[in-house]
C-alpha cells in the first residue's frame, strides 16, 4: 500500500483541490496521512469532509511543526500501517487522475528506490517546476528543469538524478529506514522547512540508493502558495539549514574547501535584500544559528 503524507498549514484555499484530485485517482490502494500544523482557517473542516470519501488519517497538532516534523509523523504512521512506499505531497499540488497509477507501474519495474514526480507549474502548464535534483561540487542543489519548458524536459533523456524535491516524491520505506536519524527522523526535524529534502537526498545518495524521474507522472504545483517570501523566515532557514546539511554530508577537508561558497550565498542574500531590514536581520540570525548547530554535528567520514 502507498502512504500519501501531506503537511497542512492554513491551506483552506488549496487543500480542496489537492483532495479532489486524489479522490479522482484511477489507482486507489493508498491511505492519506494529513498532519495539520495548527491551522486557524477552515482547512481542517475541508479535510474532515473528504474523510467521508477518502481513507484519511488526520493528525491535529497544537503548534506549527513545519514541514520536516509533520512529514516524519505521517511517515512513521504510514509505516506502522504497513505501507511500503511513501509519497510526500505538498498541499498545493493537483494530481491528475492517472498520475499515481503510472508511478506504481514504474515502481513495479524495480529500477530505482526513490522517485520524483514531474512537477509542473500550476498556473503555466507549459513550464517545469521540478524534475529532480543534481548537486554541484559544494553540495549546492541544482533543481533540474526549473523554469524550462515541459516539452524540453520530456524530450531530454534524463537518466541521472541525484535527489528529489519532497513536494511530490515517492520513497521506499526500506530506503527511509536505512538512513533515518536518531529518534525516527527521516527528514531532520531540526530543519523546520527548506533543504530537508536536500539533506535526505544526500543521505540516500551516500548509501547508494537510486533515484528516477517519472516523466509521465505529472503533478501541478502552485509553488509557495502557503509561504511568505518577504518576512525573512525563508531566508533564515535557507541560510541556517545550508550550514547544517553541508557539514553532515561531507568530510572536514571538503567542508573547509567549500565554506567560501556558503558564505558567498549568505552575502548575496544580504545584498539582495538591502532595502528590507527585517530580512537582513533574519539572514544574519540564520547564519549565527547555523554556526551553532554545526558544532553539534559530526563530519561525514
Protein backbone atom coordinates (compact mmCIF):
# COMPACT_ATOMS: atom_id res chain seq x y z
CA UNK A 1 0.00 0.00 0.00
CA UNK A 2 1.07 3.56 -0.73
CA UNK A 3 1.03 6.12 2.08
CA UNK A 4 0.45 9.72 0.99
CA UNK A 5 1.78 12.19 3.56
CA UNK A 6 0.66 15.82 3.46
CA UNK A 7 1.61 18.63 5.83
CA UNK A 8 -1.10 21.28 6.05
CA UNK A 9 -0.98 24.78 7.47
CA UNK A 10 -3.80 27.21 6.74
CA UNK A 11 -4.44 25.55 3.39
CA UNK A 12 -8.09 26.49 3.07
CA UNK A 13 -7.69 27.86 -0.46
CA UNK A 14 -5.69 24.91 -1.82
CA UNK A 15 -6.28 21.70 0.13
CA UNK A 16 -9.66 21.08 -1.51
CA UNK A 17 -8.11 20.93 -5.00
CA UNK A 18 -5.49 18.50 -3.72
CA UNK A 19 -8.09 16.24 -2.06
CA UNK A 20 -10.40 16.32 -5.06
CA UNK A 21 -7.57 15.25 -7.36
CA UNK A 22 -6.73 12.33 -5.05
CA UNK A 23 -10.40 11.36 -4.95
CA UNK A 24 -10.36 11.05 -8.74
CA UNK A 25 -7.30 8.76 -8.98
CA UNK A 26 -7.53 5.65 -11.17
CA UNK A 27 -5.26 3.90 -8.62
CA UNK A 28 -6.89 3.69 -5.21
CA UNK A 29 -4.73 1.46 -2.98
CA UNK A 30 -3.48 4.30 -0.83
CA UNK A 31 -4.08 5.93 2.53
CA UNK A 32 -3.67 9.64 3.16
CA UNK A 33 -1.95 10.97 6.28
CA UNK A 34 -2.55 14.68 6.81
CA UNK A 35 -0.64 16.41 9.59
CA UNK A 36 -2.25 19.75 10.37
CA UNK A 37 0.11 22.37 11.82
CA UNK A 38 -2.46 24.14 13.99
CA UNK A 39 -4.36 25.75 11.13
CA UNK A 40 -6.57 28.71 12.05
CA UNK A 41 -8.64 28.71 8.87
CA UNK A 42 -11.28 26.28 7.58
CA UNK A 43 -8.87 23.77 6.05
CA UNK A 44 -9.45 21.13 8.77
CA UNK A 45 -13.19 21.26 8.09
CA UNK A 46 -12.50 20.71 4.39
CA UNK A 47 -10.27 17.74 5.19
CA UNK A 48 -12.87 16.28 7.55
CA UNK A 49 -15.45 16.46 4.79
CA UNK A 50 -13.16 14.45 2.49
CA UNK A 51 -12.76 11.78 5.17
CA UNK A 52 -16.23 10.60 4.10
CA UNK A 53 -14.87 9.87 0.63
CA UNK A 54 -11.19 9.02 1.13
CA UNK A 55 -9.17 6.97 3.62
CA UNK A 56 -7.66 9.88 5.53
CA UNK A 57 -5.95 9.93 8.92
CA UNK A 58 -5.90 13.49 10.21
CA UNK A 59 -3.40 14.34 12.95
CA UNK A 60 -4.05 17.74 14.53
CA UNK A 61 -1.04 19.38 16.17
CA UNK A 62 -1.36 22.27 18.61
CA UNK A 63 1.61 24.12 17.08
CA UNK A 64 3.19 24.74 13.68
CA UNK A 65 5.81 22.00 13.41
CA UNK A 66 6.91 22.95 9.91
CA UNK A 67 7.44 20.56 7.00
CA UNK A 68 10.02 18.17 8.46
CA UNK A 69 8.35 17.15 11.73
CA UNK A 70 4.89 16.93 10.17
CA UNK A 71 6.15 14.62 7.44
CA UNK A 72 8.05 12.49 9.94
CA UNK A 73 4.85 11.99 11.94
CA UNK A 74 2.97 10.99 8.79
CA UNK A 75 5.72 8.69 7.53
CA UNK A 76 6.01 6.90 10.86
CA UNK A 77 2.24 6.39 10.97
CA UNK A 78 2.16 5.09 7.39
CA UNK A 79 4.98 2.62 8.08
CA UNK A 80 3.13 1.31 11.14
CA UNK A 81 0.12 0.71 8.90
CA UNK A 82 2.22 -1.43 6.56
CA UNK A 83 2.85 1.00 3.71
CA UNK A 84 5.87 0.02 1.63
CA UNK A 85 6.18 3.31 -0.28
CA UNK A 86 5.62 6.87 0.89
CA UNK A 87 4.50 9.73 -1.33
CA UNK A 88 5.28 13.10 0.25
CA UNK A 89 2.95 15.65 -1.28
CA UNK A 90 2.59 19.40 -0.80
CA UNK A 91 -0.92 20.58 -0.07
CA UNK A 92 -0.71 22.92 -3.09
CA UNK A 93 -0.42 20.06 -5.58
CA UNK A 94 -3.06 18.89 -8.04
CA UNK A 95 -2.62 15.23 -9.07
CA UNK A 96 -4.03 14.19 -12.50
CA UNK A 97 -6.16 11.04 -12.38
CA UNK A 98 -3.64 8.60 -13.90
CA UNK A 99 -0.56 10.02 -12.15
CA UNK A 100 -0.28 7.58 -9.25
CA UNK A 101 -1.19 4.57 -11.38
CA UNK A 102 1.62 5.41 -13.80
CA UNK A 103 4.02 5.86 -10.90
CA UNK A 104 3.13 2.50 -9.36
CA UNK A 105 3.63 0.79 -12.72
CA UNK A 106 7.15 2.25 -12.91
CA UNK A 107 7.91 1.27 -9.31
CA UNK A 108 6.99 -2.34 -10.09
CA UNK A 109 9.91 -2.44 -12.54
CA UNK A 110 12.31 -2.12 -9.56
CA UNK A 111 14.66 0.25 -11.39
CA UNK A 112 15.09 2.70 -8.50
CA UNK A 113 14.36 3.33 -4.82
CA UNK A 114 13.21 6.96 -4.83
CA UNK A 115 11.08 8.61 -7.48
CA UNK A 116 10.49 12.21 -8.49
CA UNK A 117 7.05 13.01 -9.84
CA UNK A 118 7.35 15.53 -12.65
CA UNK A 119 6.32 18.85 -11.09
CA UNK A 120 4.81 21.37 -13.49
CA UNK A 121 3.79 24.96 -12.76
CA UNK A 122 0.09 25.00 -11.89
CA UNK A 123 -0.52 28.42 -13.45
CA UNK A 124 1.63 27.98 -16.55
CA UNK A 125 1.38 24.33 -17.53
CA UNK A 126 3.97 24.64 -20.25
CA UNK A 127 6.63 25.41 -17.62
CA UNK A 128 8.55 22.92 -15.48
CA UNK A 129 8.77 23.43 -11.72
CA UNK A 130 10.95 20.47 -10.65
CA UNK A 131 12.30 17.35 -12.34
CA UNK A 132 14.67 16.21 -9.62
CA UNK A 133 17.95 17.41 -8.11
CA UNK A 134 21.61 17.38 -9.01
CA UNK A 135 24.44 18.59 -6.77
CA UNK A 136 27.45 20.69 -7.63
CA UNK A 137 30.90 20.10 -6.12
CA UNK A 138 29.97 22.06 -2.99
CA UNK A 139 26.68 20.12 -2.50
CA UNK A 140 24.55 23.07 -3.56
CA UNK A 141 21.37 21.61 -5.12
CA UNK A 142 20.53 22.27 -8.74
CA UNK A 143 16.81 21.95 -9.44
CA UNK A 144 16.58 20.18 -12.77
CA UNK A 145 14.39 21.92 -15.31
CA UNK A 146 13.15 24.78 -13.14
CA UNK A 147 11.65 27.39 -15.47
CA UNK A 148 12.27 25.27 -18.57
CA UNK A 149 9.51 24.24 -20.93
CA UNK A 150 7.74 20.96 -20.20
CA UNK A 151 8.33 19.92 -23.81
CA UNK A 152 12.08 20.40 -23.38
CA UNK A 153 12.17 18.18 -20.29
CA UNK A 154 10.05 15.49 -21.93
CA UNK A 155 12.38 15.40 -24.93
CA UNK A 156 15.53 15.12 -22.79
CA UNK A 157 16.92 11.76 -21.77
CA UNK A 158 17.23 12.49 -18.06
CA UNK A 159 18.71 9.28 -16.72
CA UNK A 160 20.77 10.63 -13.84
CA UNK A 161 19.16 12.49 -10.97
CA UNK A 162 20.79 12.63 -7.54
CA UNK A 163 17.91 13.73 -5.38
CA UNK A 164 14.24 14.66 -5.27
CA UNK A 165 12.04 17.56 -4.31
CA UNK A 166 9.83 16.29 -1.48
CA UNK A 167 6.89 18.34 -2.70
CA UNK A 168 6.00 15.31 -4.85
CA UNK A 169 8.33 12.36 -4.31
CA UNK A 170 7.93 8.65 -3.61
CA UNK A 171 10.37 6.97 -1.21
CA UNK A 172 10.69 3.25 -0.50
CA UNK A 173 10.25 2.54 3.20
CA UNK A 174 13.33 0.32 3.05
CA UNK A 175 15.48 3.28 1.97
CA UNK A 176 13.95 5.66 4.51
CA UNK A 177 14.52 3.25 7.38
CA UNK A 178 18.12 2.75 6.32
CA UNK A 179 19.09 6.43 6.51
CA UNK A 180 16.92 7.75 9.32
CA UNK A 181 18.48 9.82 12.07
CA UNK A 182 18.11 9.25 15.80
CA UNK A 183 14.54 9.49 17.06
CA UNK A 184 12.93 8.13 13.87
CA UNK A 185 13.79 11.28 11.94
CA UNK A 186 13.55 10.67 8.23
CA UNK A 187 13.71 14.39 7.49
CA UNK A 188 15.85 16.24 10.02
CA UNK A 189 13.26 17.63 12.45
CA UNK A 190 15.61 20.46 13.30
CA UNK A 191 15.20 21.95 9.84
CA UNK A 192 11.55 23.09 10.19
CA UNK A 193 11.46 23.91 6.46
CA UNK A 194 13.80 24.27 3.45
CA UNK A 195 16.61 21.89 2.45
CA UNK A 196 15.21 18.99 4.49
CA UNK A 197 14.67 17.07 1.25
CA UNK A 198 18.18 18.00 0.09
CA UNK A 199 19.67 16.60 3.30
CA UNK A 200 17.62 13.41 2.99
CA UNK A 201 18.57 13.02 -0.68
CA UNK A 202 22.27 13.30 0.16
CA UNK A 203 21.97 10.67 2.90
CA UNK A 204 20.18 8.34 0.48
CA UNK A 205 22.73 9.06 -2.26
CA UNK A 206 25.62 8.24 0.06
CA UNK A 207 24.05 4.85 0.80
CA UNK A 208 23.85 4.07 -2.90
CA UNK A 209 20.10 4.31 -3.40
CA UNK A 210 18.93 5.12 -6.91
CA UNK A 211 16.67 7.99 -7.97
CA UNK A 212 14.44 8.21 -11.02
CA UNK A 213 12.34 10.92 -12.65
CA UNK A 214 8.83 9.78 -13.61
CA UNK A 215 8.12 11.94 -16.65
CA UNK A 216 4.67 10.52 -17.20
CA UNK A 217 3.58 11.12 -13.60
CA UNK A 218 2.94 14.85 -13.89
CA UNK A 219 1.61 16.92 -10.99
CA UNK A 220 0.71 20.61 -10.98
CA UNK A 221 2.36 22.70 -8.28
CA UNK A 222 1.16 26.14 -7.16
CA UNK A 223 4.65 26.80 -5.67
CA UNK A 224 4.96 28.71 -2.39
CA UNK A 225 1.20 29.06 -2.16
CA UNK A 226 1.38 28.99 1.64
CA UNK A 227 4.81 30.58 2.01
CA UNK A 228 5.73 34.19 2.75
CA UNK A 229 8.67 35.46 0.74
CA UNK A 230 9.12 38.82 2.42
CA UNK A 231 9.17 38.41 6.22
CA UNK A 232 12.63 36.81 6.49
CA UNK A 233 11.51 33.35 7.60
CA UNK A 234 12.55 31.75 4.33
CA UNK A 235 15.95 33.46 4.32
CA UNK A 236 16.58 32.47 7.92
CA UNK A 237 16.05 28.76 7.29
CA UNK A 238 17.77 28.73 3.90
CA UNK A 239 20.98 30.10 5.43
CA UNK A 240 20.77 28.14 8.68
CA UNK A 241 19.91 24.80 7.11
CA UNK A 242 22.51 25.19 4.37
CA UNK A 243 25.19 25.32 7.05
CA UNK A 244 23.72 22.29 8.80
CA UNK A 245 23.32 19.88 5.89
CA UNK A 246 26.64 20.77 4.30
CA UNK A 247 28.50 19.73 7.44
CA UNK A 248 26.60 16.47 7.88
CA UNK A 249 27.16 15.35 4.31
CA UNK A 250 30.87 15.97 3.67
CA UNK A 251 34.20 15.42 5.34
CA UNK A 252 36.21 18.06 7.19
CA UNK A 253 38.59 18.77 4.33
CA UNK A 254 35.77 19.21 1.78
CA UNK A 255 33.78 21.45 4.11
CA UNK A 256 36.74 23.75 4.68
CA UNK A 257 37.28 23.97 0.93
CA UNK A 258 33.62 24.67 0.17
CA UNK A 259 32.75 27.04 3.03
CA UNK A 260 33.52 30.03 0.79
CA UNK A 261 30.56 29.13 -1.44
CA UNK A 262 28.17 29.11 1.52
CA UNK A 263 29.49 32.44 2.78
CA UNK A 264 29.05 33.90 -0.70
CA UNK A 265 25.41 32.77 -0.75
CA UNK A 266 24.92 34.45 2.62
CA UNK A 267 26.47 37.70 1.39
CA UNK A 268 24.35 37.62 -1.78
CA UNK A 269 21.23 37.25 0.35
CA UNK A 270 22.20 40.35 2.32
CA UNK A 271 22.93 42.37 -0.83
CA UNK A 272 19.69 41.26 -2.49
CA UNK A 273 17.67 42.47 0.49
CA UNK A 274 19.45 45.73 1.34
CA UNK A 275 16.09 47.51 1.29
CA UNK A 276 14.49 45.03 3.72
CA UNK A 277 15.99 45.34 7.20
CA UNK A 278 13.82 42.54 8.60
CA UNK A 279 15.12 40.05 6.04
CA UNK A 280 18.72 41.09 6.65
CA UNK A 281 18.35 40.53 10.40
CA UNK A 282 16.72 37.14 9.76
CA UNK A 283 19.54 36.08 7.42
CA UNK A 284 22.20 37.14 9.93
CA UNK A 285 20.41 35.23 12.69
CA UNK A 286 20.15 32.21 10.39
CA UNK A 287 23.91 32.34 9.81
CA UNK A 288 24.64 32.63 13.55
CA UNK A 289 22.29 29.79 14.47
CA UNK A 290 23.63 27.65 11.65
CA UNK A 291 27.16 28.00 13.00
CA UNK A 292 25.91 26.96 16.45
CA UNK A 293 24.05 23.94 15.05
CA UNK A 294 27.09 22.89 13.01
CA UNK A 295 29.04 22.34 16.21
CA UNK A 296 26.58 19.61 17.24
CA UNK A 297 27.03 17.61 14.03
CA UNK A 298 29.78 15.12 13.28
CA UNK A 299 31.63 15.31 9.97
CA UNK A 300 30.77 12.81 7.27
CA UNK A 301 33.54 10.19 7.26
